[in-house]
Amino acid sequence: MNGLTRYLLGRLAGLLGVLLVTSFVVFASIHLAPGDPVSFLLHGRPATPETVAALRAEHHLDDPLAAQYAGWLGDVLRGDFGRSAQYHQDVSALLGSRFTGTVLLVAYAALLVAVGGVTAGVLAALRPGLVDRLVLIGTGIATATPSFVSAIALVSLFSVQLGWFPGPGGTPAGLGDRLYHLTLPAFALATTFAGLLARVTRSAMLDELGRDHVEVARARGVAGRTVVRRHVLRNSLGPVVTVGGTMLAGLLVTTSVVETAFDVPGLGSLLVQSVTAKDFAVVQAITLLSVAAFVLANLAVDLLAPLIDPRLSLLTHGEGPS
């Protein structure tokens, strides 16, 4: 078994371990909350003792916690997250109806973060002086601005005053119109992350610009653009991709704020509504899926980083020169 195979198996084992522990914490949350779980299922409605007993039997609340968890985990692995007490439908079907909205929003925002953040960081590193200072000021403001503040500012300017984009709500028709409606939410979601990625890109670029092999290439008369493209930008992508993968998971978490502000029918707004209504089945499902997405994003970054920067391969896979 070579180093790469051992590394992959170790990462997969760690992934499964994290998901298993997280699933138990998510499941146990309803038992850790104050009060009887039946009261959350009833949502404060009066019930006869027979109804309470039926609910306890249906959800196996009188079984040991380990047995309850094993049964719940088996259902989850089959795609059965239970039934929503608020919407009176299967959680899996409910999540499916909201999934597309969140995926489009996160993908749109991720594209803005990648293009805007990397471009700004490269410009700041290659243009010291005024451009660098302007980028630092702009990214400082962006990283310090919460997404809900960006949402309010964007709606006020581009929707209310200029009328260029629709405000919260509305029913888009078709993919193009849907992306048009998601433009302001995507910018609100991407602002903070784009500022952070720009600073990471700038730092990585400046670090590579000061290395000896870059100075040697310049001394040999290699064109400046070639030096930047082959020796600086490529070697700077390692930390950029690593941080970008973490940011992708962060975008998923932040969608709850932006979707609520813009009334986007996605998983984030559904999570907020379910927490308010104490719909634990939905909260458990979205939380578990969010953690799974976070872990998978980090695994993908770990696998991609050595492909982008081969120097990381020896360190990551535990191999060394013979």
C-alpha atoms as a PDB file:
ATOM      1  CA  MET A   1       0.000   0.000   0.000  1.00  0.00           C
ATOM      2  CA  ASN A   2       1.634   3.263  -1.107  1.00  0.00           C
ATOM      3  CA  GLY A   3       1.530   6.604   0.680  1.00  0.00           C
ATOM      4  CA  LEU A   4      -1.277   8.025  -1.448  1.00  0.00           C
ATOM      5  CA  THR A   5      -3.555   5.045  -0.760  1.00  0.00           C
ATOM      6  CA  ARG A   6      -2.868   5.231   2.971  1.00  0.00           C
ATOM      7  CA  TYR A   7      -3.577   8.946   2.911  1.00  0.00           C
ATOM      8  CA  LEU A   8      -6.889   8.512   1.085  1.00  0.00           C
ATOM      9  CA  LEU A   9      -8.016   5.728   3.402  1.00  0.00           C
ATOM     10  CA  GLY A  10      -7.054   7.806   6.433  1.00  0.00           C
ATOM     11  CA  ARG A  11      -8.966  10.811   5.147  1.00  0.00           C
ATOM     12  CA  LEU A  12     -12.047   8.711   4.381  1.00  0.00           C
ATOM     13  CA  ALA A  13     -11.891   7.128   7.838  1.00  0.00           C
ATOM     14  CA  GLY A  14     -11.640  10.572   9.392  1.00  0.00           C
ATOM     15  CA  LEU A  15     -14.561  11.773   7.270  1.00  0.00           C
ATOM     16  CA  LEU A  16     -16.742   8.903   8.412  1.00  0.00           C
ATOM     17  CA  GLY A  17     -15.703   9.444  12.030  1.00  0.00           C
ATOM     18  CA  VAL A  18     -16.591  13.140  11.943  1.00  0.00           C
ATOM     19  CA  LEU A  19     -19.939  12.434  10.307  1.00  0.00           C
ATOM     20  CA  LEU A  20     -20.730   9.691  12.823  1.00  0.00           C
ATOM     21  CA  VAL A  21     -19.946  11.884  15.838  1.00  0.00           C
ATOM     22  CA  THR A  22     -21.835  14.801  14.311  1.00  0.00           C
ATOM     23  CA  SER A  23     -24.851  12.647  13.574  1.00  0.00           C
ATOM     24  CA  PHE A  24     -24.997  11.554  17.217  1.00  0.00           C
ATOM     25  CA  VAL A  25     -24.727  15.144  18.483  1.00  0.00           C
ATOM     26  CA  VAL A  26     -27.433  16.256  16.052  1.00  0.00           C
ATOM     27  CA  PHE A  27     -29.705  13.391  17.082  1.00  0.00           C
ATOM     28  CA  ALA A  28     -29.119  13.912  20.796  1.00  0.00           C
ATOM     29  CA  SER A  29     -29.914  17.643  20.533  1.00  0.00           C
ATOM     30  CA  ILE A  30     -33.642  17.027  20.926  1.00  0.00           C
ATOM     31  CA  HIS A  31     -32.948  15.129  24.163  1.00  0.00           C
ATOM     32  CA  LEU A  32     -30.555  17.806  25.445  1.00  0.00           C
ATOM     33  CA  ALA A  33     -33.096  20.571  24.911  1.00  0.00           C
ATOM     34  CA  PRO A  34     -35.109  21.499  27.998  1.00  0.00           C
ATOM     35  CA  GLY A  35     -38.522  19.896  28.226  1.00  0.00           C
ATOM     36  CA  ASP A  36     -40.090  16.678  26.995  1.00  0.00           C
ATOM     37  CA  PRO A  37     -39.456  15.837  23.303  1.00  0.00           C
ATOM     38  CA  VAL A  38     -43.173  15.120  22.976  1.00  0.00           C
ATOM     39  CA  SER A  39     -43.931  18.763  23.754  1.00  0.00           C
ATOM     40  CA  PHE A  40     -41.855  19.816  20.743  1.00  0.00           C
ATOM     41  CA  LEU A  41     -43.679  17.317  18.550  1.00  0.00           C
ATOM     42  CA  LEU A  42     -47.031  18.668  19.725  1.00  0.00           C
ATOM     43  CA  HIS A  43     -45.989  22.333  19.350  1.00  0.00           C
ATOM     44  CA  GLY A  44     -47.882  23.257  22.495  1.00  0.00           C
ATOM     45  CA  ARG A  45     -51.154  21.734  21.346  1.00  0.00           C
ATOM     46  CA  PRO A  46     -53.184  19.957  24.046  1.00  0.00           C
ATOM     47  CA  ALA A  47     -53.173  16.182  23.790  1.00  0.00           C
ATOM     48  CA  THR A  48     -54.765  13.282  25.560  1.00  0.00           C
ATOM     49  CA  PRO A  49     -52.627  10.714  27.378  1.00  0.00           C
ATOM     50  CA  GLU A  50     -53.392   8.256  24.580  1.00  0.00           C
ATOM     51  CA  THR A  51     -52.032  10.688  21.977  1.00  0.00           C
ATOM     52  CA  VAL A  52     -48.871  11.281  24.016  1.00  0.00           C
ATOM     53  CA  ALA A  53     -48.352   7.549  24.416  1.00  0.00           C
ATOM     54  CA  ALA A  54     -48.853   7.020  20.674  1.00  0.00           C
ATOM     55  CA  LEU A  55     -46.269   9.702  19.875  1.00  0.00           C
ATOM     56  CA  ARG A  56     -43.767   8.193  22.277  1.00  0.00           C
ATOM     57  CA  ALA A  57     -44.285   4.774  20.717  1.00  0.00           C
ATOM     58  CA  GLU A  58     -44.078   6.134  17.142  1.00  0.00           C
ATOM     59  CA  HIS A  59     -40.765   7.894  17.805  1.00  0.00           C
ATOM     60  CA  HIS A  60     -39.423   5.161  20.143  1.00  0.00           C
ATOM     61  CA  LEU A  61     -38.888   7.706  22.914  1.00  0.00           C
ATOM     62  CA  ASP A  62     -39.129   5.042  25.612  1.00  0.00           C
ATOM     63  CA  ASP A  63     -36.269   3.032  24.095  1.00  0.00           C
ATOM     64  CA  PRO A  64     -32.660   3.503  25.293  1.00  0.00           C
ATOM     65  CA  LEU A  65     -30.889   6.449  23.646  1.00  0.00           C
ATOM     66  CA  ALA A  66     -28.452   4.154  21.816  1.00  0.00           C
ATOM     67  CA  ALA A  67     -31.310   2.161  20.322  1.00  0.00           C
ATOM     68  CA  GLN A  68     -33.108   5.341  19.280  1.00  0.00           C
ATOM     69  CA  TYR A  69     -29.938   6.645  17.625  1.00  0.00           C
ATOM     70  CA  ALA A  70     -29.302   3.376  15.784  1.00  0.00           C
ATOM     71  CA  GLY A  71     -32.836   3.376  14.395  1.00  0.00           C
ATOM     72  CA  TRP A  72     -32.643   7.048  13.407  1.00  0.00           C
ATOM     73  CA  LEU A  73     -29.227   6.586  11.746  1.00  0.00           C
ATOM     74  CA  GLY A  74     -30.535   3.612   9.777  1.00  0.00           C
ATOM     75  CA  ASP A  75     -33.427   5.727   8.505  1.00  0.00           C
ATOM     76  CA  VAL A  76     -31.049   8.571   7.565  1.00  0.00           C
ATOM     77  CA  LEU A  77     -28.815   6.225   5.597  1.00  0.00           C
ATOM     78  CA  ARG A  78     -31.912   5.219   3.620  1.00  0.00           C
ATOM     79  CA  GLY A  79     -32.708   8.887   2.952  1.00  0.00           C
ATOM     80  CA  ASP A  80     -35.518   9.073   5.509  1.00  0.00           C
ATOM     81  CA  PHE A  81     -35.077  12.116   7.783  1.00  0.00           C
ATOM     82  CA  GLY A  82     -38.518  11.843   9.305  1.00  0.00           C
ATOM     83  CA  ARG A  83     -41.578  14.025   8.902  1.00  0.00           C
ATOM     84  CA  SER A  84     -41.805  17.785   9.354  1.00  0.00           C
ATOM     85  CA  ALA A  85     -44.168  18.786  12.148  1.00  0.00           C
ATOM     86  CA  GLN A  86     -44.501  22.273  10.670  1.00  0.00           C
ATOM     87  CA  TYR A  87     -45.121  21.430   6.997  1.00  0.00           C
ATOM     88  CA  HIS A  88     -46.669  17.965   7.505  1.00  0.00           C
ATOM     89  CA  GLN A  89     -44.576  16.306   4.788  1.00  0.00           C
ATOM     90  CA  ASP A  90     -41.486  14.155   4.535  1.00  0.00           C
ATOM     91  CA  VAL A  91     -38.316  16.070   5.345  1.00  0.00           C
ATOM     92  CA  SER A  92     -36.500  14.589   2.341  1.00  0.00           C
ATOM     93  CA  ALA A  93     -39.141  15.925  -0.051  1.00  0.00           C
ATOM     94  CA  LEU A  94     -39.127  19.289   1.718  1.00  0.00           C
ATOM     95  CA  LEU A  95     -35.346  19.593   1.439  1.00  0.00           C
ATOM     96  CA  GLY A  96     -35.491  18.571  -2.219  1.00  0.00           C
ATOM     97  CA  SER A  97     -37.891  21.400  -3.002  1.00  0.00           C
ATOM     98  CA  ARG A  98     -35.517  23.951  -1.439  1.00  0.00           C
ATOM     99  CA  PHE A  99     -32.208  22.428  -2.555  1.00  0.00           C
ATOM    100  CA  THR A 100     -31.962  24.034  -6.000  1.00  0.00           C
ATOM    101  CA  GLY A 101     -32.364  27.574  -4.683  1.00  0.00           C
ATOM    102  CA  THR A 102     -29.504  27.202  -2.219  1.00  0.00           C
ATOM    103  CA  VAL A 103     -27.206  25.471  -4.730  1.00  0.00           C
ATOM    104  CA  LEU A 104     -27.716  28.224  -7.320  1.00  0.00           C
ATOM    105  CA  LEU A 105     -27.141  30.951  -4.740  1.00  0.00           C
ATOM    106  CA  VAL A 106     -23.963  29.353  -3.339  1.00  0.00           C
ATOM    107  CA  ALA A 107     -22.584  28.593  -6.830  1.00  0.00           C
ATOM    108  CA  TYR A 108     -23.278  32.181  -7.977  1.00  0.00           C
ATOM    109  CA  ALA A 109     -21.644  33.615  -4.851  1.00  0.00           C
ATOM    110  CA  ALA A 110     -18.677  31.220  -5.095  1.00  0.00           C
ATOM    111  CA  LEU A 111     -18.046  32.389  -8.668  1.00  0.00           C
ATOM    112  CA  LEU A 112     -18.098  36.019  -7.521  1.00  0.00           C
ATOM    113  CA  VAL A 113     -15.740  35.218  -4.646  1.00  0.00           C
ATOM    114  CA  ALA A 114     -13.274  33.366  -6.882  1.00  0.00           C
ATOM    115  CA  VAL A 115     -13.200  35.935  -9.680  1.00  0.00           C
ATOM    116  CA  GLY A 116     -13.385  39.059  -7.534  1.00  0.00           C
ATOM    117  CA  GLY A 117     -11.152  37.889  -4.697  1.00  0.00           C
ATOM    118  CA  VAL A 118      -8.344  36.431  -6.810  1.00  0.00           C
ATOM    119  CA  THR A 119      -8.369  39.356  -9.269  1.00  0.00           C
ATOM    120  CA  ALA A 120      -8.208  41.951  -6.503  1.00  0.00           C
ATOM    121  CA  GLY A 121      -5.441  40.049  -4.689  1.00  0.00           C
ATOM    122  CA  VAL A 122      -3.325  39.696  -7.834  1.00  0.00           C
ATOM    123  CA  LEU A 123      -3.714  43.387  -8.684  1.00  0.00           C
ATOM    124  CA  ALA A 124      -2.741  44.416  -5.158  1.00  0.00           C
ATOM    125  CA  ALA A 125       0.400  42.245  -5.223  1.00  0.00           C
ATOM    126  CA  LEU A 126       1.526  43.352  -8.692  1.00  0.00           C
ATOM    127  CA  ARG A 127       0.660  47.040  -8.307  1.00  0.00           C
ATOM    128  CA  PRO A 128       2.249  48.292  -5.066  1.00  0.00           C
ATOM    129  CA  GLY A 129       1.318  51.812  -4.113  1.00  0.00           C
ATOM    130  CA  LEU A 130      -2.075  53.338  -4.841  1.00  0.00           C
ATOM    131  CA  VAL A 131      -3.735  50.197  -6.232  1.00  0.00           C
ATOM    132  CA  ASP A 132      -2.486  48.093  -3.332  1.00  0.00           C
ATOM    133  CA  ARG A 133      -3.734  50.623  -0.771  1.00  0.00           C
ATOM    134  CA  LEU A 134      -7.146  50.888  -2.448  1.00  0.00           C
ATOM    135  CA  VAL A 135      -7.531  47.104  -2.501  1.00  0.00           C
ATOM    136  CA  LEU A 136      -6.533  46.854   1.163  1.00  0.00           C
ATOM    137  CA  ILE A 137      -9.055  49.546   2.118  1.00  0.00           C
ATOM    138  CA  GLY A 138     -11.794  47.965   0.020  1.00  0.00           C
ATOM    139  CA  THR A 139     -11.174  44.443   1.300  1.00  0.00           C
ATOM    140  CA  GLY A 140     -10.968  45.730   4.867  1.00  0.00           C
ATOM    141  CA  ILE A 141     -14.432  47.262   4.499  1.00  0.00           C
ATOM    142  CA  ALA A 142     -15.757  44.120   2.802  1.00  0.00           C
ATOM    143  CA  THR A 143     -14.502  41.733   5.478  1.00  0.00           C
ATOM    144  CA  ALA A 144     -15.888  43.933   8.260  1.00  0.00           C
ATOM    145  CA  THR A 145     -19.361  44.198   6.725  1.00  0.00           C
ATOM    146  CA  PRO A 146     -21.859  41.520   7.850  1.00  0.00           C
ATOM    147  CA  SER A 147     -23.910  39.908   5.105  1.00  0.00           C
ATOM    148  CA  PHE A 148     -27.201  41.312   6.409  1.00  0.00           C
ATOM    149  CA  VAL A 149     -25.753  44.853   6.255  1.00  0.00           C
ATOM    150  CA  SER A 150     -24.622  44.222   2.673  1.00  0.00           C
ATOM    151  CA  ALA A 151     -28.124  42.941   1.900  1.00  0.00           C
ATOM    152  CA  ILE A 152     -29.776  46.089   3.237  1.00  0.00           C
ATOM    153  CA  ALA A 153     -27.358  48.369   1.380  1.00  0.00           C
ATOM    154  CA  LEU A 154     -27.707  46.508  -1.923  1.00  0.00           C
ATOM    155  CA  VAL A 155     -31.506  46.461  -1.796  1.00  0.00           C
ATOM    156  CA  SER A 156     -31.641  50.138  -0.859  1.00  0.00           C
ATOM    157  CA  LEU A 157     -29.351  51.223  -3.691  1.00  0.00           C
ATOM    158  CA  PHE A 158     -29.894  48.842  -6.601  1.00  0.00           C
ATOM    159  CA  SER A 159     -33.502  47.837  -5.983  1.00  0.00           C
ATOM    160  CA  VAL A 160     -35.272  50.756  -4.299  1.00  0.00           C
ATOM    161  CA  GLN A 161     -33.366  53.762  -5.656  1.00  0.00           C
ATOM    162  CA  LEU A 162     -32.028  52.631  -9.040  1.00  0.00           C
ATOM    163  CA  GLY A 163     -34.524  49.851  -9.774  1.00  0.00           C
ATOM    164  CA  TRP A 164     -31.916  47.741 -11.576  1.00  0.00           C
ATOM    165  CA  PHE A 165     -32.691  44.518  -9.719  1.00  0.00           C
ATOM    166  CA  PRO A 166     -35.831  43.105  -8.077  1.00  0.00           C
ATOM    167  CA  GLY A 167     -36.226  43.332  -4.340  1.00  0.00           C
ATOM    168  CA  PRO A 168     -36.892  40.486  -1.910  1.00  0.00           C
ATOM    169  CA  GLY A 169     -39.548  37.988  -2.941  1.00  0.00           C
ATOM    170  CA  GLY A 170     -40.935  37.555  -6.427  1.00  0.00           C
ATOM    171  CA  THR A 171     -41.418  34.459  -8.550  1.00  0.00           C
ATOM    172  CA  PRO A 172     -38.758  34.111 -11.274  1.00  0.00           C
ATOM    173  CA  ALA A 173     -39.600  32.308 -14.515  1.00  0.00           C
ATOM    174  CA  GLY A 174     -36.795  30.220 -15.986  1.00  0.00           C
ATOM    175  CA  LEU A 175     -33.121  29.865 -15.115  1.00  0.00           C
ATOM    176  CA  GLY A 176     -32.051  33.234 -16.524  1.00  0.00           C
ATOM    177  CA  ASP A 177     -34.690  35.135 -14.566  1.00  0.00           C
ATOM    178  CA  ARG A 178     -33.836  33.108 -11.472  1.00  0.00           C
ATOM    179  CA  LEU A 179     -30.167  34.071 -11.702  1.00  0.00           C
ATOM    180  CA  TYR A 180     -31.237  37.693 -12.237  1.00  0.00           C
ATOM    181  CA  HIS A 181     -33.246  37.552  -9.000  1.00  0.00           C
ATOM    182  CA  LEU A 182     -30.269  35.947  -7.213  1.00  0.00           C
ATOM    183  CA  THR A 183     -27.754  38.628  -8.253  1.00  0.00           C
ATOM    184  CA  LEU A 184     -28.176  40.878  -5.213  1.00  0.00           C
ATOM    185  CA  PRO A 185     -28.324  37.944  -2.749  1.00  0.00           C
ATOM    186  CA  ALA A 186     -25.176  36.476  -4.335  1.00  0.00           C
ATOM    187  CA  PHE A 187     -23.278  39.754  -3.993  1.00  0.00           C
ATOM    188  CA  ALA A 188     -24.440  40.129  -0.382  1.00  0.00           C
ATOM    189  CA  LEU A 189     -23.291  36.585   0.355  1.00  0.00           C
ATOM    190  CA  ALA A 190     -19.964  36.944  -1.476  1.00  0.00           C
ATOM    191  CA  THR A 191     -18.792  40.339  -0.203  1.00  0.00           C
ATOM    192  CA  THR A 192     -17.099  39.259   3.035  1.00  0.00           C
ATOM    193  CA  PHE A 193     -15.578  36.110   1.542  1.00  0.00           C
ATOM    194  CA  ALA A 194     -14.262  37.934  -1.528  1.00  0.00           C
ATOM    195  CA  GLY A 195     -12.471  40.408   0.723  1.00  0.00           C
ATOM    196  CA  LEU A 196     -10.877  37.593   2.720  1.00  0.00           C
ATOM    197  CA  LEU A 197      -9.808  35.689  -0.400  1.00  0.00           C
ATOM    198  CA  ALA A 198      -8.311  38.841  -1.912  1.00  0.00           C
ATOM    199  CA  ARG A 199      -6.101  39.313   1.151  1.00  0.00           C
ATOM    200  CA  VAL A 200      -5.032  35.664   1.120  1.00  0.00           C
ATOM    201  CA  THR A 201      -4.197  35.899  -2.599  1.00  0.00           C
ATOM    202  CA  ARG A 202      -2.225  39.100  -2.099  1.00  0.00           C
ATOM    203  CA  SER A 203      -0.213  37.593   0.758  1.00  0.00           C
ATOM    204  CA  ALA A 204       0.531  34.399  -1.194  1.00  0.00           C
ATOM    205  CA  MET A 205       1.557  36.368  -4.285  1.00  0.00           C
ATOM    206  CA  LEU A 206       3.875  38.661  -2.334  1.00  0.00           C
ATOM    207  CA  ASP A 207       5.471  35.640  -0.685  1.00  0.00           C
ATOM    208  CA  GLU A 208       6.174  34.030  -4.069  1.00  0.00           C
ATOM    209  CA  LEU A 209       7.410  37.291  -5.628  1.00  0.00           C
ATOM    210  CA  GLY A 210      10.182  37.439  -3.047  1.00  0.00           C
ATOM    211  CA  ARG A 211      11.508  33.917  -3.660  1.00  0.00           C
ATOM    212  CA  ASP A 212      14.911  33.238  -5.195  1.00  0.00           C
ATOM    213  CA  HIS A 213      13.692  31.351  -8.260  1.00  0.00           C
ATOM    214  CA  VAL A 214      11.574  34.351  -9.260  1.00  0.00           C
ATOM    215  CA  GLU A 215      14.577  36.660  -8.998  1.00  0.00           C
ATOM    216  CA  VAL A 216      16.661  34.205 -11.047  1.00  0.00           C
ATOM    217  CA  ALA A 217      13.992  34.040 -13.770  1.00  0.00           C
ATOM    218  CA  ARG A 218      13.883  37.820 -13.961  1.00  0.00           C
ATOM    219  CA  ALA A 219      17.690  38.024 -14.063  1.00  0.00           C
ATOM    220  CA  ARG A 220      17.707  35.651 -17.023  1.00  0.00           C
ATOM    221  CA  GLY A 221      15.414  37.989 -18.929  1.00  0.00           C
ATOM    222  CA  VAL A 222      12.196  35.965 -18.739  1.00  0.00           C
ATOM    223  CA  ALA A 223       9.209  38.165 -19.595  1.00  0.00           C
ATOM    224  CA  GLY A 224       7.379  39.582 -16.604  1.00  0.00           C
ATOM    225  CA  ARG A 225       4.024  38.061 -17.548  1.00  0.00           C
ATOM    226  CA  THR A 226       5.627  34.645 -17.970  1.00  0.00           C
ATOM    227  CA  VAL A 227       7.285  34.910 -14.562  1.00  0.00           C
ATOM    228  CA  VAL A 228       3.991  35.852 -12.937  1.00  0.00           C
ATOM    229  CA  ARG A 229       1.990  33.157 -14.715  1.00  0.00           C
ATOM    230  CA  ARG A 230       4.422  30.231 -14.411  1.00  0.00           C
ATOM    231  CA  HIS A 231       6.340  30.929 -11.231  1.00  0.00           C
ATOM    232  CA  VAL A 232       4.255  33.242  -9.052  1.00  0.00           C
ATOM    233  CA  LEU A 233       0.552  32.720  -9.671  1.00  0.00           C
ATOM    234  CA  ARG A 234       0.724  28.943 -10.017  1.00  0.00           C
ATOM    235  CA  ASN A 235       2.697  28.498  -6.796  1.00  0.00           C
ATOM    236  CA  SER A 236       0.339  30.903  -5.010  1.00  0.00           C
ATOM    237  CA  LEU A 237      -2.759  28.841  -5.783  1.00  0.00           C
ATOM    238  CA  GLY A 238      -2.113  26.284  -3.006  1.00  0.00           C
ATOM    239  CA  PRO A 239      -3.127  28.468  -0.045  1.00  0.00           C
ATOM    240  CA  VAL A 240      -5.769  30.194  -2.165  1.00  0.00           C
ATOM    241  CA  VAL A 241      -7.496  26.899  -2.975  1.00  0.00           C
ATOM    242  CA  THR A 242      -7.191  25.717   0.630  1.00  0.00           C
ATOM    243  CA  VAL A 243      -8.836  28.837   2.012  1.00  0.00           C
ATOM    244  CA  GLY A 244     -11.341  28.883  -0.844  1.00  0.00           C
ATOM    245  CA  GLY A 245     -12.551  25.400   0.026  1.00  0.00           C
ATOM    246  CA  THR A 246     -13.178  26.448   3.614  1.00  0.00           C
ATOM    247  CA  MET A 247     -14.990  29.537   2.355  1.00  0.00           C
ATOM    248  CA  LEU A 248     -17.264  27.383   0.214  1.00  0.00           C
ATOM    249  CA  ALA A 249     -18.448  25.663   3.365  1.00  0.00           C
ATOM    250  CA  GLY A 250     -18.801  29.084   4.995  1.00  0.00           C
ATOM    251  CA  LEU A 251     -21.042  30.219   2.155  1.00  0.00           C
ATOM    252  CA  LEU A 252     -23.381  27.325   2.901  1.00  0.00           C
ATOM    253  CA  VAL A 253     -23.657  28.380   6.542  1.00  0.00           C
ATOM    254  CA  THR A 254     -24.185  32.075   5.763  1.00  0.00           C
ATOM    255  CA  THR A 255     -27.016  31.411   3.314  1.00  0.00           C
ATOM    256  CA  SER A 256     -29.490  31.365   6.200  1.00  0.00           C
ATOM    257  CA  VAL A 257     -28.980  35.091   6.765  1.00  0.00           C
ATOM    258  CA  VAL A 258     -29.039  36.105   3.106  1.00  0.00           C
ATOM    259  CA  GLU A 259     -31.955  33.858   2.125  1.00  0.00           C
ATOM    260  CA  THR A 260     -34.007  35.236   4.991  1.00  0.00           C
ATOM    261  CA  ALA A 261     -33.150  38.845   4.088  1.00  0.00           C
ATOM    262  CA  PHE A 262     -34.069  38.374   0.414  1.00  0.00           C
ATOM    263  CA  ASP A 263     -36.895  35.881   0.974  1.00  0.00           C
ATOM    264  CA  VAL A 264     -35.113  33.229  -1.111  1.00  0.00           C
ATOM    265  CA  PRO A 265     -36.809  29.803  -0.807  1.00  0.00           C
ATOM    266  CA  GLY A 266     -33.723  27.765   0.093  1.00  0.00           C
ATOM    267  CA  LEU A 267     -32.340  25.543   2.820  1.00  0.00           C
ATOM    268  CA  GLY A 268     -30.996  28.498   4.821  1.00  0.00           C
ATOM    269  CA  SER A 269     -34.346  30.248   5.167  1.00  0.00           C
ATOM    270  CA  LEU A 270     -35.968  26.871   5.853  1.00  0.00           C
ATOM    271  CA  LEU A 271     -33.505  26.317   8.703  1.00  0.00           C
ATOM    272  CA  VAL A 272     -34.382  29.670  10.290  1.00  0.00           C
ATOM    273  CA  GLN A 273     -38.112  28.963   9.996  1.00  0.00           C
ATOM    274  CA  SER A 274     -37.675  25.466  11.419  1.00  0.00           C
ATOM    275  CA  VAL A 275     -35.630  26.679  14.405  1.00  0.00           C
ATOM    276  CA  THR A 276     -38.312  29.275  15.163  1.00  0.00           C
ATOM    277  CA  ALA A 277     -41.054  26.638  14.891  1.00  0.00           C
ATOM    278  CA  LYS A 278     -38.963  24.038  16.801  1.00  0.00           C
ATOM    279  CA  ASP A 279     -39.286  21.633  13.884  1.00  0.00           C
ATOM    280  CA  PHE A 280     -36.430  19.403  15.035  1.00  0.00           C
ATOM    281  CA  ALA A 281     -36.608  16.875  12.204  1.00  0.00           C
ATOM    282  CA  VAL A 282     -35.866  19.581   9.629  1.00  0.00           C
ATOM    283  CA  VAL A 283     -33.212  21.239  11.814  1.00  0.00           C
ATOM    284  CA  GLN A 284     -31.444  17.915  12.333  1.00  0.00           C
ATOM    285  CA  ALA A 285     -31.470  17.118   8.615  1.00  0.00           C
ATOM    286  CA  ILE A 286     -30.132  20.513   7.472  1.00  0.00           C
ATOM    287  CA  THR A 287     -27.489  20.572  10.198  1.00  0.00           C
ATOM    288  CA  LEU A 288     -26.264  17.102   9.280  1.00  0.00           C
ATOM    289  CA  LEU A 289     -26.160  17.938   5.573  1.00  0.00           C
ATOM    290  CA  SER A 290     -24.271  21.188   6.278  1.00  0.00           C
ATOM    291  CA  VAL A 291     -21.610  19.359   8.278  1.00  0.00           C
ATOM    292  CA  ALA A 292     -21.321  16.716   5.555  1.00  0.00           C
ATOM    293  CA  ALA A 293     -20.852  19.430   2.926  1.00  0.00           C
ATOM    294  CA  PHE A 294     -18.203  21.137   5.072  1.00  0.00           C
ATOM    295  CA  VAL A 295     -16.246  17.911   5.550  1.00  0.00           C
ATOM    296  CA  LEU A 296     -16.506  16.956   1.878  1.00  0.00           C
ATOM    297  CA  ALA A 297     -15.330  20.421   0.804  1.00  0.00           C
ATOM    298  CA  ASN A 298     -12.242  20.107   2.996  1.00  0.00           C
ATOM    299  CA  LEU A 299     -11.575  16.609   1.667  1.00  0.00           C
ATOM    300  CA  ALA A 300     -11.805  17.887  -1.909  1.00  0.00           C
ATOM    301  CA  VAL A 301      -9.352  20.681  -1.102  1.00  0.00           C
ATOM    302  CA  ASP A 302      -6.897  18.216   0.448  1.00  0.00           C
ATOM    303  CA  LEU A 303      -7.030  16.102  -2.704  1.00  0.00           C
ATOM    304  CA  LEU A 304      -6.770  19.026  -5.124  1.00  0.00           C
ATOM    305  CA  ALA A 305      -3.972  20.937  -3.387  1.00  0.00           C
ATOM    306  CA  PRO A 306      -1.171  18.479  -4.336  1.00  0.00           C
ATOM    307  CA  LEU A 307      -2.389  18.498  -7.953  1.00  0.00           C
ATOM    308  CA  ILE A 308      -2.158  22.287  -8.074  1.00  0.00           C
ATOM    309  CA  ASP A 309       1.151  22.487  -6.200  1.00  0.00           C
ATOM    310  CA  PRO A 310       3.149  19.231  -6.582  1.00  0.00           C
ATOM    311  CA  ARG A 311       5.469  20.334  -3.762  1.00  0.00           C
ATOM    312  CA  LEU A 312       2.657  19.518  -1.334  1.00  0.00           C
ATOM    313  CA  SER A 313       2.410  15.929  -2.564  1.00  0.00           C
ATOM    314  CA  LEU A 314       5.436  14.673  -0.666  1.00  0.00           C
ATOM    315  CA  LEU A 315       4.319  16.332   2.554  1.00  0.00           C
ATOM    316  CA  THR A 316       0.653  15.393   2.278  1.00  0.00           C
ATOM    317  CA  HIS A 317       1.132  11.756   1.332  1.00  0.00           C
ATOM    318  CA  GLY A 318       3.985  11.153   3.715  1.00  0.00           C
ATOM    319  CA  GLU A 319       6.448  10.331   0.948  1.00  0.00           C
ATOM    320  CA  GLY A 320       9.995  11.470   0.735  1.00  0.00           C
ATOM    321  CA  PRO A 321      12.880  11.371  -1.647  1.00  0.00           C
ATOM    322  CA  SER A 322      14.567   8.022  -1.883  1.00  0.00           C
END
